[in-house]
Structure formats: structure tokens, C-alpha cells
Amino acid sequence: MIAAYGNGAEAKPKKAKPKAAAASFRLVDFVEAGGCRVKVSPDVVARMKEIAANGSVVWKGKCQGGLISGMGVLREEGTLISGGKARKIAHHWSGAAVRGMRSGKWTRESFAQFVDSPKYWANTASVVFVDGIAKGRTTPLPVSGPDDYSPGFRRIVTEAQRN
């Protein structure tokens, strides 16, 4: 079942963080499963660690000097406990990295499903990164079916449809 979330119409705008908070922000390293480092915010590191504990975080792309580099896909796939219930999640981030930091326009494909439910949620969005930090609003991208996803992400969605 494809959720009606593909068009993003239901997304609520997030409040912007004060500029002073963003300016004092420090990126830290997260080492993905292949040993390549990505520079992200401390809260993103916490999320990635939680996903990696019951899944994996993998960079499919070039690793230069121990840092993610060039075009690639950062795949976060795992199971999280939410409200005492197990939830399968996946985030596939596609874009370019410079010196370990996401840079420019990235596409985020997201999936979530409670393991005891046939219903799932999947969508895509565009996110702009500057020096490793997401800037501006996330822009939902239209999705009419599984063919609108990348092949790796499509596998996750079609598996959920079969089940």
C-alpha cells in the first residue's frame, strides 16, 4: 500500500532555528559501517547511532582521506523502538559530499513501518546542505508509485507492498 504522503501536502512547516544557534553549531564525525566518516550535527549522530545499533548506516560512494566524497548514497536502515513498538525505518540520502560534509541539493527517500502493521509511510524530498548543515525548507517531491524511487529504495517499498 502506498501511503498518501508522497506529495508532502500534509507536511507541517518546521520552525526556523535562531541564527545564533546555527552559527555556534559544530559538526562531529560519524563512522559508517564501511569505515568512512561523515560530518554531521550531534543530533544526527545520535539518530545514526540508534539506527546502526539495530541496522546499518552505509555510504555507497567514494571515500577520500577517510571522509565521504563525491556523489553517493548514504543509506540508513534499521529497526527502532517507538512507544514500545518496533518500527522499521529507512532513509536513503543521495547527493554530493565534500570533505565529509553533504553539500548542495540532496534527495532524501524515507520509509517507516511498524513491524506488526501492513501499513507503511514512504516519501521523497529535496534538501539543500551548506557545509554539512541542512539549510532552508525541505521540499517534498511528488511520488505516484514505486517506480518514482531509486532502485535500492524501491526494493524496500515493494517488499512492504508484498507483505
C-alpha atoms as a PDB file:
ATOM      1  CA  MET A   1       0.000   0.000   0.000  1.00  0.00           C
ATOM      2  CA  ILE A   2       1.453   3.336  -0.980  1.00  0.00           C
ATOM      3  CA  ALA A   3       0.721   5.970   1.599  1.00  0.00           C
ATOM      4  CA  ALA A   4      -0.756   9.284   0.580  1.00  0.00           C
ATOM      5  CA  TYR A   5       2.319  11.025   1.918  1.00  0.00           C
ATOM      6  CA  GLY A   6       4.148  11.095  -1.412  1.00  0.00           C
ATOM      7  CA  ASN A   7       3.060  14.604  -2.328  1.00  0.00           C
ATOM      8  CA  GLY A   8       4.023  16.137   1.013  1.00  0.00           C
ATOM      9  CA  ALA A   9       0.810  18.167   1.218  1.00  0.00           C
ATOM     10  CA  GLU A  10       0.319  17.077   4.826  1.00  0.00           C
ATOM     11  CA  ALA A  11       3.789  18.150   5.961  1.00  0.00           C
ATOM     12  CA  LYS A  12       3.794  20.879   8.592  1.00  0.00           C
ATOM     13  CA  PRO A  13       6.405  23.613   8.255  1.00  0.00           C
ATOM     14  CA  LYS A  14       9.121  23.460  10.892  1.00  0.00           C
ATOM     15  CA  LYS A  15      10.042  26.494  12.936  1.00  0.00           C
ATOM     16  CA  ALA A  16      13.344  28.007  11.880  1.00  0.00           C
ATOM     17  CA  LYS A  17      16.183  27.806  14.398  1.00  0.00           C
ATOM     18  CA  PRO A  18      17.575  31.124  15.558  1.00  0.00           C
ATOM     19  CA  LYS A  19      20.608  32.172  13.527  1.00  0.00           C
ATOM     20  CA  ALA A  20      22.776  32.414  16.641  1.00  0.00           C
ATOM     21  CA  ALA A  21      22.166  28.738  17.454  1.00  0.00           C
ATOM     22  CA  ALA A  22      23.090  27.680  13.918  1.00  0.00           C
ATOM     23  CA  ALA A  23      26.264  29.789  13.957  1.00  0.00           C
ATOM     24  CA  SER A  24      27.575  28.119  17.154  1.00  0.00           C
ATOM     25  CA  PHE A  25      26.925  24.712  15.675  1.00  0.00           C
ATOM     26  CA  ARG A  26      29.828  22.227  15.484  1.00  0.00           C
ATOM     27  CA  LEU A  27      29.889  19.217  13.186  1.00  0.00           C
ATOM     28  CA  VAL A  28      31.153  15.903  14.523  1.00  0.00           C
ATOM     29  CA  ASP A  29      32.215  12.679  12.817  1.00  0.00           C
ATOM     30  CA  PHE A  30      30.076   9.589  12.450  1.00  0.00           C
ATOM     31  CA  VAL A  31      31.847   6.496  11.120  1.00  0.00           C
ATOM     32  CA  GLU A  32      29.580   4.487   8.831  1.00  0.00           C
ATOM     33  CA  ALA A  33      29.760   0.680   8.503  1.00  0.00           C
ATOM     34  CA  GLY A  34      32.468   0.802   5.798  1.00  0.00           C
ATOM     35  CA  GLY A  35      34.771   2.976   7.932  1.00  0.00           C
ATOM     36  CA  CYS A  36      34.224   6.230   6.024  1.00  0.00           C
ATOM     37  CA  ARG A  37      33.395   9.307   8.131  1.00  0.00           C
ATOM     38  CA  VAL A  38      30.533  11.759   7.563  1.00  0.00           C
ATOM     39  CA  LYS A  39      30.498  15.116   9.353  1.00  0.00           C
ATOM     40  CA  VAL A  40      27.062  15.830  10.849  1.00  0.00           C
ATOM     41  CA  SER A  41      25.425  17.572  13.789  1.00  0.00           C
ATOM     42  CA  PRO A  42      25.419  15.909  17.226  1.00  0.00           C
ATOM     43  CA  ASP A  43      21.665  15.185  16.981  1.00  0.00           C
ATOM     44  CA  VAL A  44      22.163  13.464  13.597  1.00  0.00           C
ATOM     45  CA  VAL A  45      24.997  11.393  15.102  1.00  0.00           C
ATOM     46  CA  ALA A  46      22.600  10.278  17.860  1.00  0.00           C
ATOM     47  CA  ARG A  47      19.990   9.233  15.258  1.00  0.00           C
ATOM     48  CA  MET A  48      22.582   7.416  13.130  1.00  0.00           C
ATOM     49  CA  LYS A  49      23.912   5.538  16.189  1.00  0.00           C
ATOM     50  CA  GLU A  50      20.396   4.482  17.115  1.00  0.00           C
ATOM     51  CA  ILE A  51      19.736   3.216  13.569  1.00  0.00           C
ATOM     52  CA  ALA A  52      23.125   1.474  13.324  1.00  0.00           C
ATOM     53  CA  ALA A  53      22.544  -0.355  16.639  1.00  0.00           C
ATOM     54  CA  ASN A  54      19.727  -2.399  15.035  1.00  0.00           C
ATOM     55  CA  GLY A  55      20.586  -1.994  11.368  1.00  0.00           C
ATOM     56  CA  SER A  56      23.247  -0.187   9.384  1.00  0.00           C
ATOM     57  CA  VAL A  57      24.441   3.161   8.103  1.00  0.00           C
ATOM     58  CA  VAL A  58      26.412   2.737   4.869  1.00  0.00           C
ATOM     59  CA  TRP A  59      27.946   5.168   2.354  1.00  0.00           C
ATOM     60  CA  LYS A  60      27.780   3.936  -1.246  1.00  0.00           C
ATOM     61  CA  GLY A  61      30.318   6.207  -2.894  1.00  0.00           C
ATOM     62  CA  LYS A  62      33.936   7.325  -2.794  1.00  0.00           C
ATOM     63  CA  CYS A  63      35.834   7.576   0.473  1.00  0.00           C
ATOM     64  CA  GLN A  64      38.716  10.040   0.183  1.00  0.00           C
ATOM     65  CA  GLY A  65      41.064  10.603   3.116  1.00  0.00           C
ATOM     66  CA  GLY A  66      38.660   8.652   5.323  1.00  0.00           C
ATOM     67  CA  LEU A  67      35.761  11.014   4.507  1.00  0.00           C
ATOM     68  CA  ILE A  68      32.705  10.582   2.268  1.00  0.00           C
ATOM     69  CA  SER A  69      33.425  12.314  -1.025  1.00  0.00           C
ATOM     70  CA  GLY A  70      31.780  12.996  -4.375  1.00  0.00           C
ATOM     71  CA  MET A  71      28.424  11.598  -5.489  1.00  0.00           C
ATOM     72  CA  GLY A  72      26.917   8.787  -3.459  1.00  0.00           C
ATOM     73  CA  VAL A  73      24.095   7.444  -1.329  1.00  0.00           C
ATOM     74  CA  LEU A  74      24.087   7.456   2.474  1.00  0.00           C
ATOM     75  CA  ARG A  75      21.776   4.578   3.463  1.00  0.00           C
ATOM     76  CA  GLU A  76      20.328   4.407   6.963  1.00  0.00           C
ATOM     77  CA  GLU A  77      18.263   1.245   7.509  1.00  0.00           C
ATOM     78  CA  GLY A  78      17.207  -0.352  10.760  1.00  0.00           C
ATOM     79  CA  THR A  79      14.606  -1.009  13.415  1.00  0.00           C
ATOM     80  CA  LEU A  80      13.821   1.495  16.157  1.00  0.00           C
ATOM     81  CA  ILE A  81      11.610   1.146  19.207  1.00  0.00           C
ATOM     82  CA  SER A  82       8.941   3.856  19.247  1.00  0.00           C
ATOM     83  CA  GLY A  83       6.374   3.896  22.053  1.00  0.00           C
ATOM     84  CA  GLY A  84       7.303   0.318  22.922  1.00  0.00           C
ATOM     85  CA  LYS A  85       6.687  -0.868  19.345  1.00  0.00           C
ATOM     86  CA  ALA A  86       9.290  -1.914  16.775  1.00  0.00           C
ATOM     87  CA  ARG A  87       9.371   0.294  13.691  1.00  0.00           C
ATOM     88  CA  LYS A  88      11.327  -0.459  10.524  1.00  0.00           C
ATOM     89  CA  ILE A  89      12.842   2.694   9.037  1.00  0.00           C
ATOM     90  CA  ALA A  90      14.985   3.610   6.068  1.00  0.00           C
ATOM     91  CA  HIS A  91      16.458   6.882   4.854  1.00  0.00           C
ATOM     92  CA  HIS A  92      18.405   6.980   1.607  1.00  0.00           C
ATOM     93  CA  TRP A  93      20.208  10.288   1.096  1.00  0.00           C
ATOM     94  CA  SER A  94      21.563  10.860  -2.458  1.00  0.00           C
ATOM     95  CA  GLY A  95      23.888  13.723  -3.314  1.00  0.00           C
ATOM     96  CA  ALA A  96      27.428  15.081  -3.279  1.00  0.00           C
ATOM     97  CA  ALA A  97      29.835  15.288  -0.368  1.00  0.00           C
ATOM     98  CA  VAL A  98      32.907  17.486   0.043  1.00  0.00           C
ATOM     99  CA  ARG A  99      35.471  16.686   2.771  1.00  0.00           C
ATOM    100  CA  GLY A 100      32.947  14.513   4.631  1.00  0.00           C
ATOM    101  CA  MET A 101      30.136  17.071   4.520  1.00  0.00           C
ATOM    102  CA  ARG A 102      26.950  16.916   2.492  1.00  0.00           C
ATOM    103  CA  SER A 103      26.938  19.778   0.035  1.00  0.00           C
ATOM    104  CA  GLY A 104      24.344  21.139  -2.387  1.00  0.00           C
ATOM    105  CA  LYS A 105      21.000  19.580  -3.253  1.00  0.00           C
ATOM    106  CA  TRP A 106      20.341  16.094  -1.828  1.00  0.00           C
ATOM    107  CA  THR A 107      17.349  13.805  -2.279  1.00  0.00           C
ATOM    108  CA  ARG A 108      16.009  12.063   0.816  1.00  0.00           C
ATOM    109  CA  GLU A 109      13.850   8.940   0.427  1.00  0.00           C
ATOM    110  CA  SER A 110      12.153   7.955   3.694  1.00  0.00           C
ATOM    111  CA  PHE A 111      10.274   4.833   4.781  1.00  0.00           C
ATOM    112  CA  ALA A 112       8.645   3.838   8.086  1.00  0.00           C
ATOM    113  CA  GLN A 113       6.506   0.847   9.069  1.00  0.00           C
ATOM    114  CA  PHE A 114       5.572  -0.675  12.417  1.00  0.00           C
ATOM    115  CA  VAL A 115       6.579  -4.325  12.115  1.00  0.00           C
ATOM    116  CA  ASP A 116       3.149  -5.542  13.258  1.00  0.00           C
ATOM    117  CA  SER A 117       1.271  -3.472  10.661  1.00  0.00           C
ATOM    118  CA  PRO A 118       0.820  -3.798   6.892  1.00  0.00           C
ATOM    119  CA  LYS A 119       0.608  -0.002   6.567  1.00  0.00           C
ATOM    120  CA  TYR A 120       3.699   1.991   5.788  1.00  0.00           C
ATOM    121  CA  TRP A 121       4.761   5.551   5.034  1.00  0.00           C
ATOM    122  CA  ALA A 122       7.152   6.497   2.232  1.00  0.00           C
ATOM    123  CA  ASN A 123       8.096   9.783   0.595  1.00  0.00           C
ATOM    124  CA  THR A 124      10.860  11.746  -1.082  1.00  0.00           C
ATOM    125  CA  ALA A 125      12.096  15.262  -0.541  1.00  0.00           C
ATOM    126  CA  SER A 126      14.824  17.621  -1.641  1.00  0.00           C
ATOM    127  CA  VAL A 127      17.147  19.097   0.991  1.00  0.00           C
ATOM    128  CA  VAL A 128      19.904  21.677   0.435  1.00  0.00           C
ATOM    129  CA  PHE A 129      23.080  21.349   2.501  1.00  0.00           C
ATOM    130  CA  VAL A 130      25.724  24.039   3.028  1.00  0.00           C
ATOM    131  CA  ASP A 131      28.912  22.945   4.801  1.00  0.00           C
ATOM    132  CA  GLY A 132      27.164  19.811   6.098  1.00  0.00           C
ATOM    133  CA  ILE A 133      24.136  21.613   7.528  1.00  0.00           C
ATOM    134  CA  ALA A 134      20.607  21.467   6.049  1.00  0.00           C
ATOM    135  CA  LYS A 135      19.518  24.961   5.047  1.00  0.00           C
ATOM    136  CA  GLY A 136      16.061  26.267   4.226  1.00  0.00           C
ATOM    137  CA  ARG A 137      12.945  24.199   3.884  1.00  0.00           C
ATOM    138  CA  THR A 138      12.744  20.571   2.899  1.00  0.00           C
ATOM    139  CA  THR A 139      10.896  20.409  -0.429  1.00  0.00           C
ATOM    140  CA  PRO A 140       8.586  17.395  -0.880  1.00  0.00           C
ATOM    141  CA  LEU A 141       8.920  15.654  -4.252  1.00  0.00           C
ATOM    142  CA  PRO A 142       5.890  14.055  -5.958  1.00  0.00           C
ATOM    143  CA  VAL A 143       5.618  10.265  -5.867  1.00  0.00           C
ATOM    144  CA  SER A 144       2.954   8.373  -7.801  1.00  0.00           C
ATOM    145  CA  GLY A 145       4.288   4.857  -7.177  1.00  0.00           C
ATOM    146  CA  PRO A 146       7.357   2.681  -6.531  1.00  0.00           C
ATOM    147  CA  ASP A 147       8.863   3.485  -9.953  1.00  0.00           C
ATOM    148  CA  ASP A 148       9.475   7.052  -8.719  1.00  0.00           C
ATOM    149  CA  TYR A 149      12.016   5.785  -6.160  1.00  0.00           C
ATOM    150  CA  SER A 150      15.661   4.845  -6.713  1.00  0.00           C
ATOM    151  CA  PRO A 151      16.214   1.105  -7.313  1.00  0.00           C
ATOM    152  CA  GLY A 152      17.623   0.433  -3.820  1.00  0.00           C
ATOM    153  CA  PHE A 153      14.790   2.250  -2.107  1.00  0.00           C
ATOM    154  CA  ARG A 154      12.178   0.770  -4.460  1.00  0.00           C
ATOM    155  CA  ARG A 155      13.166  -2.679  -3.127  1.00  0.00           C
ATOM    156  CA  ILE A 156      12.118  -1.609   0.395  1.00  0.00           C
ATOM    157  CA  VAL A 157       8.770  -0.233  -0.798  1.00  0.00           C
ATOM    158  CA  THR A 158       7.886  -3.235  -2.994  1.00  0.00           C
ATOM    159  CA  GLU A 159       8.793  -5.615  -0.143  1.00  0.00           C
ATOM    160  CA  ALA A 160       6.365  -3.734   2.119  1.00  0.00           C
ATOM    161  CA  GLN A 161       3.685  -3.962  -0.581  1.00  0.00           C
ATOM    162  CA  ARG A 162       4.134  -7.753  -0.843  1.00  0.00           C
ATOM    163  CA  ASN A 163       3.762  -8.168   2.893  1.00  0.00           C
END
